[in-house]
Protein backbone atom coordinates (compact mmCIF):
# COMPACT_ATOMS: atom_id res chain seq x y z
CA MET A 1 226.97 44.15 -174.47
CA ASN A 2 227.60 47.79 -175.24
CA ILE A 3 225.93 51.14 -174.64
CA GLN A 4 223.86 52.02 -177.71
CA GLU A 5 222.46 55.46 -178.46
CA ILE A 6 219.51 55.97 -180.81
CA TYR A 7 218.13 59.35 -181.81
CA ILE A 8 214.38 59.17 -182.44
CA GLU A 9 211.51 61.21 -183.84
CA ASN A 10 208.27 62.31 -182.11
CA LEU A 11 209.62 62.26 -178.54
CA LYS A 12 207.69 64.95 -176.68
CA CYS A 13 207.64 64.41 -172.93
CA GLY A 14 208.10 62.22 -169.90
CA GLY A 15 205.00 60.22 -170.84
CA CYS A 16 206.70 59.19 -174.08
CA ALA A 17 209.87 58.35 -172.14
CA ASN A 18 207.96 56.19 -169.64
CA THR A 19 206.40 54.14 -172.43
CA ILE A 20 209.74 53.68 -174.20
CA ILE A 21 211.53 52.62 -171.02
CA LYS A 22 208.77 50.18 -170.07
CA GLU A 23 208.49 48.58 -173.51
CA LEU A 24 212.22 48.29 -174.24
CA SER A 25 212.86 46.85 -170.78
CA LEU A 26 210.62 43.92 -171.74
CA ILE A 27 213.29 42.75 -174.23
CA SER A 28 215.42 40.29 -172.24
CA THR A 29 218.75 41.39 -173.71
CA VAL A 30 218.14 45.11 -173.05
CA LYS A 31 219.36 46.70 -169.81
CA ASP A 32 219.58 50.21 -168.33
CA VAL A 33 217.21 52.07 -170.68
CA LYS A 34 217.43 55.86 -170.39
CA VAL A 35 215.58 58.51 -172.38
CA ASP A 36 216.77 62.10 -172.83
CA VAL A 37 213.67 64.03 -173.94
CA GLU A 38 215.60 67.21 -174.78
CA LYS A 39 217.99 65.37 -177.10
CA SER A 40 215.37 62.90 -178.42
CA GLN A 41 217.82 60.17 -177.49
CA VAL A 42 217.41 56.66 -176.13
CA SER A 43 220.45 54.99 -174.59
CA LEU A 44 220.56 51.40 -173.46
CA VAL A 45 222.87 48.49 -172.91
CA THR A 46 222.44 45.64 -175.38
CA ASN A 47 224.25 43.67 -178.06
CA GLU A 48 224.40 44.44 -181.78
CA ASP A 49 222.04 41.53 -182.57
CA THR A 50 219.24 43.07 -180.51
CA LEU A 51 219.63 46.60 -181.88
CA THR A 52 217.44 45.89 -184.92
CA GLU A 53 214.69 44.54 -182.64
CA VAL A 54 214.96 47.66 -180.44
CA LYS A 55 214.66 50.01 -183.43
CA LEU A 56 211.67 48.06 -184.77
CA LYS A 57 209.97 48.25 -181.35
CA LEU A 58 210.59 52.01 -181.18
CA SER A 59 209.11 52.45 -184.65
CA LYS A 60 206.03 50.40 -183.74
CA LEU A 61 205.54 52.63 -180.69
CA GLY A 62 205.65 55.69 -182.97
CA TYR A 63 209.27 56.71 -182.40
CA PRO A 64 211.27 55.82 -185.53
CA GLU A 65 214.99 56.44 -185.62
CA VAL A 66 216.03 59.81 -187.05
CA GLY A 67 216.53 59.28 -190.78
CA ASP A 68 213.88 56.56 -191.05
CA LYS A 69 210.42 57.26 -192.43
CA ASN A 70 208.34 59.30 -190.00
CA ASN A 71 204.84 59.20 -191.41
CA VAL A 72 201.44 60.20 -190.04
CA LEU A 73 200.92 56.70 -188.60
CA HIS A 74 204.13 56.99 -186.55
CA LYS A 75 203.05 60.38 -185.27
CA ALA A 76 199.60 59.07 -184.31
CA LYS A 77 201.11 56.06 -182.52
CA SER A 78 203.49 58.33 -180.62
CA PHE A 79 200.54 60.34 -179.28
CA VAL A 80 198.93 57.14 -178.00
CA SER A 81 202.23 55.93 -176.49
CA CYS A 82 202.66 59.32 -174.86
CA ALA A 83 199.18 59.25 -173.31
CA VAL A 84 199.66 55.69 -172.03
CA GLY A 85 203.01 56.68 -170.53
CA ARG A 86 201.43 59.59 -168.70
CA ILE A 87 198.63 57.45 -167.27
CA ASN A 88 200.98 54.66 -166.16
CA SER A 89 203.66 56.91 -164.63
């Protein structure tokens, strides 16, 4: 297992970060999830095989990796994820 860093779109605040940390921590092979809001960066410990699953989960939450498609649906989902993260923090 290695430290992986993913730069993402639509990351706005601590609410977003809370949702990302909570959801990625549900993946059994993911450990030590950290979110840097200022850098729009997610770092975590996992293996290469799980990285695709992590990126897919981020995209479904509305936070696609930088360079991937970032459409209106992603942006809308990120607002919902952000709101949920604020409520549950």
